[in-house]
Structures are given as structure tokens and as C-alpha cells.
Amino acid sequence: ATGVFAVAFPFLPRHISLLGALTIGIPGFFLALMPNTERFRPGFFKRVLVFSAPAGAIAALAAFTSYGLALNIGEPLSSAQSAATVTLFIVATAVLIQSARPLNLIRIGIVALMILLFLGVLFVPFFSKLFALSLGPERYSLVAIVVGLVGAGCIWVMTIITDRWRRE
């Protein structure tokens, strides 16, 4: 998409590392260690693909929309990159919540801790500078949050639809 629309890439490498750690790596490690009483069912690959392909498309579309809107309203590149990162975090957290079901106190705690860590990166000056991320009263912040919440809502609707297919 960046090649087609001739715009700079919407993320810095450190943004991808942060997002990967807080939405995939760290929670995935702890969720994988939790006890699981569900019996084996054939069709694992199909169930994963039916969930992950639409979720990935929604996440990509939301992040690129946020990035494009921020650039379109005249925000500098660094602010547009922050908008894309915040949006992608919101959508990826929605994916994490759906993936962690059935939710219990420990799983909710893991998700809440990841959200707190991301907020720490946004609002603690040392980490904000280190990751080149910010969220303030500027217009791009509103764009990032609104587009992220719309994307999270789309993840929720998509999950309702795909859960029927995944049970088959």
C-alpha cells in the first residue's frame, strides 16, 4: 500500500517490535502456558486461518487508514506514524482479547498489563522518546483512537461471524 500510494512506511522498526512484544510475544507466552482442558479437534489450520485472515486485513486497513488520515489533515510524518501505531495496538488488543477466550481473571490481567505497558510507553517521557511515540491533544490522537476503536468493533463483529464457521 505504501508503494501504491507513494507514502513513507507507517511504522518505525521499534514500533513493530513494541507491538509484536505487547500483542503477540509476551501474552502468547503466558497464554500458551495456561492449562487447557479442551480436547483435540481436527481442522486446526482452517480454524486459525478463518480467524486470522480477516483479523489481519482489518488491522492492516485500520492502521493504514489512521496513517493516511493523519497525513491528510496535515500532521507531520512522526505524528502519522504514532497514529498508525496506536491504532494498530488497539486493534491488535481486540484480536488478543478474542484469542484469549474464554476469559478469566488471569487472562484479563495479562491483557490489562499489556495495555498498561503500552500506556507507559506513550506517557512516560523516557519511553516515549525511546519508541518515538506520543499521544497528546493533537488531531492525530483523536484519529488514532477513533479508527482503532472502529477497527476493534470490526474485530468483535468478525469474531461473531467466524465463530460459527470455526465450530463446524
Protein backbone atom coordinates (compact mmCIF):
# COMPACT_ATOMS: atom_id res chain seq x y z
CA ALA A 1 0.00 0.00 0.00
CA THR A 2 2.86 2.39 0.71
CA GLY A 3 4.24 1.71 -2.76
CA VAL A 4 0.87 2.16 -4.46
CA PHE A 5 0.12 5.43 -2.67
CA ALA A 6 3.76 6.62 -2.69
CA VAL A 7 3.95 7.39 1.03
CA ALA A 8 6.57 6.59 3.66
CA PHE A 9 6.22 3.35 5.62
CA PRO A 10 3.80 3.91 8.52
CA PHE A 11 5.95 2.29 11.22
CA LEU A 12 9.47 2.53 12.55
CA PRO A 13 11.15 -0.82 13.28
CA ARG A 14 10.89 -0.12 17.02
CA HIS A 15 7.11 0.30 16.65
CA ILE A 16 6.84 -3.18 15.13
CA SER A 17 9.00 -4.61 17.94
CA LEU A 18 6.86 -2.98 20.59
CA LEU A 19 3.59 -4.08 19.01
CA GLY A 20 4.86 -7.60 18.47
CA ALA A 21 6.02 -7.89 22.07
CA LEU A 22 2.87 -6.47 23.68
CA THR A 23 0.22 -8.08 21.48
CA ILE A 24 1.80 -11.37 20.40
CA GLY A 25 5.03 -12.34 22.15
CA ILE A 26 4.57 -11.69 25.86
CA PRO A 27 0.85 -12.52 26.13
CA GLY A 28 1.25 -15.50 23.79
CA PHE A 29 3.99 -16.92 26.01
CA PHE A 30 1.83 -16.77 29.14
CA LEU A 31 -1.39 -17.86 27.43
CA ALA A 32 0.38 -20.88 25.96
CA LEU A 33 1.45 -21.98 29.44
CA MET A 34 -2.08 -21.90 30.85
CA PRO A 35 -3.87 -25.22 31.35
CA ASN A 36 -6.22 -26.24 28.57
CA THR A 37 -8.96 -28.81 29.07
CA GLU A 38 -10.29 -28.66 25.51
CA ARG A 39 -9.97 -31.91 23.61
CA PHE A 40 -8.20 -32.16 20.29
CA ARG A 41 -10.34 -31.33 17.28
CA PRO A 42 -9.19 -31.80 13.71
CA GLY A 43 -9.09 -28.75 11.41
CA PHE A 44 -6.73 -26.54 13.42
CA PHE A 45 -5.29 -24.81 10.36
CA LYS A 46 -8.74 -23.95 8.98
CA ARG A 47 -9.91 -22.54 12.33
CA VAL A 48 -6.80 -20.39 12.67
CA LEU A 49 -7.00 -19.14 9.09
CA VAL A 50 -10.72 -18.32 9.29
CA PHE A 51 -9.96 -16.06 12.27
CA SER A 52 -6.54 -14.66 11.42
CA ALA A 53 -7.01 -13.70 7.75
CA PRO A 54 -9.95 -11.31 8.31
CA ALA A 55 -8.42 -10.04 11.57
CA GLY A 56 -5.16 -9.26 9.79
CA ALA A 57 -6.98 -7.48 6.98
CA ILE A 58 -8.97 -5.39 9.47
CA ALA A 59 -5.81 -4.50 11.41
CA ALA A 60 -3.91 -3.51 8.27
CA LEU A 61 -6.80 -1.46 6.92
CA ALA A 62 -7.31 0.33 10.24
CA ALA A 63 -3.61 1.17 10.66
CA PHE A 64 -3.24 2.41 7.09
CA THR A 65 -6.49 4.41 7.35
CA SER A 66 -5.30 6.10 10.53
CA TYR A 67 -1.92 6.84 8.95
CA GLY A 68 -3.49 8.23 5.78
CA LEU A 69 -5.98 10.38 7.66
CA ALA A 70 -3.27 11.81 9.90
CA LEU A 71 -1.16 12.72 6.87
CA ASN A 72 -4.23 14.10 5.11
CA ILE A 73 -5.05 16.52 7.94
CA GLY A 74 -1.53 17.92 7.76
CA GLU A 75 0.19 16.11 10.61
CA PRO A 76 3.95 15.50 10.33
CA LEU A 77 5.23 12.03 9.47
CA SER A 78 6.20 11.22 13.07
CA SER A 79 2.67 12.00 14.28
CA ALA A 80 1.12 9.94 11.48
CA GLN A 81 3.39 7.04 12.45
CA SER A 82 2.28 7.41 16.08
CA ALA A 83 -1.35 7.38 14.93
CA ALA A 84 -0.83 4.18 12.92
CA THR A 85 0.95 2.51 15.84
CA VAL A 86 -1.71 3.44 18.40
CA THR A 87 -4.47 2.31 16.04
CA LEU A 88 -2.75 -0.99 15.36
CA PHE A 89 -2.26 -1.55 19.08
CA ILE A 90 -5.96 -1.01 19.77
CA VAL A 91 -7.00 -3.41 17.01
CA ALA A 92 -4.35 -5.98 17.94
CA THR A 93 -5.50 -5.84 21.56
CA ALA A 94 -9.03 -6.60 20.37
CA VAL A 95 -7.61 -9.60 18.49
CA LEU A 96 -5.72 -10.66 21.63
CA ILE A 97 -8.91 -10.48 23.70
CA GLN A 98 -10.77 -12.66 21.20
CA SER A 99 -7.86 -15.12 21.01
CA ALA A 100 -7.61 -15.40 24.79
CA ARG A 101 -11.22 -16.56 25.21
CA PRO A 102 -12.66 -17.95 27.40
CA LEU A 103 -11.64 -15.00 29.56
CA ASN A 104 -10.85 -15.45 33.22
CA LEU A 105 -9.11 -13.22 35.77
CA ILE A 106 -5.62 -14.28 34.75
CA ARG A 107 -6.24 -13.74 31.04
CA ILE A 108 -7.89 -10.37 31.65
CA GLY A 109 -4.91 -9.48 33.84
CA ILE A 110 -2.47 -10.35 31.05
CA VAL A 111 -4.36 -8.15 28.57
CA ALA A 112 -4.66 -5.32 31.11
CA LEU A 113 -0.93 -5.47 31.83
CA MET A 114 -0.14 -5.18 28.11
CA ILE A 115 -2.42 -2.13 27.87
CA LEU A 116 -0.74 -0.55 30.91
CA LEU A 117 2.70 -1.18 29.43
CA PHE A 118 1.66 0.46 26.16
CA LEU A 119 0.23 3.45 28.02
CA GLY A 120 3.53 3.67 29.88
CA VAL A 121 5.35 3.85 26.56
CA LEU A 122 3.02 6.61 25.40
CA PHE A 123 3.12 8.78 28.52
CA VAL A 124 6.44 8.16 30.31
CA PRO A 125 8.82 10.62 28.63
CA PHE A 126 11.85 8.29 28.56
CA PHE A 127 9.94 5.50 26.83
CA SER A 128 8.01 7.91 24.63
CA LYS A 129 11.30 9.27 23.26
CA LEU A 130 12.88 5.83 23.01
CA PHE A 131 10.00 4.47 20.93
CA ALA A 132 9.27 7.78 19.14
CA LEU A 133 5.61 7.56 20.13
CA SER A 134 3.26 10.13 21.58
CA LEU A 135 -0.40 10.70 22.16
CA GLY A 136 -1.49 14.19 23.07
CA PRO A 137 -4.15 16.78 22.37
CA GLU A 138 -3.31 16.93 18.66
CA ARG A 139 -5.81 15.87 16.00
CA TYR A 140 -3.89 12.72 15.05
CA SER A 141 -4.55 11.33 18.54
CA LEU A 142 -8.29 11.54 18.03
CA VAL A 143 -7.93 9.95 14.59
CA ALA A 144 -5.83 7.12 16.04
CA ILE A 145 -8.25 6.34 18.86
CA VAL A 146 -11.44 6.59 16.79
CA VAL A 147 -10.11 4.47 13.91
CA GLY A 148 -8.68 1.98 16.42
CA LEU A 149 -12.00 1.63 18.21
CA VAL A 150 -13.85 1.20 14.90
CA GLY A 151 -11.32 -1.49 13.96
CA ALA A 152 -11.78 -3.17 17.36
CA GLY A 153 -15.53 -3.14 16.78
CA CYS A 154 -15.00 -4.75 13.39
CA ILE A 155 -12.87 -7.45 15.08
CA TRP A 156 -15.72 -8.14 17.50
CA VAL A 157 -18.30 -8.40 14.68
CA MET A 158 -15.92 -10.54 12.61
CA THR A 159 -15.44 -12.87 15.57
CA ILE A 160 -19.20 -13.36 15.96
CA ILE A 161 -19.41 -14.30 12.28
CA THR A 162 -16.32 -16.51 12.12
CA ASP A 163 -17.07 -18.34 15.38
CA ARG A 164 -19.91 -20.11 13.58
CA TRP A 165 -17.53 -21.29 10.84
CA ARG A 166 -14.82 -22.28 13.30
CA ARG A 167 -17.18 -24.54 15.27
CA GLU A 168 -18.02 -26.60 12.22
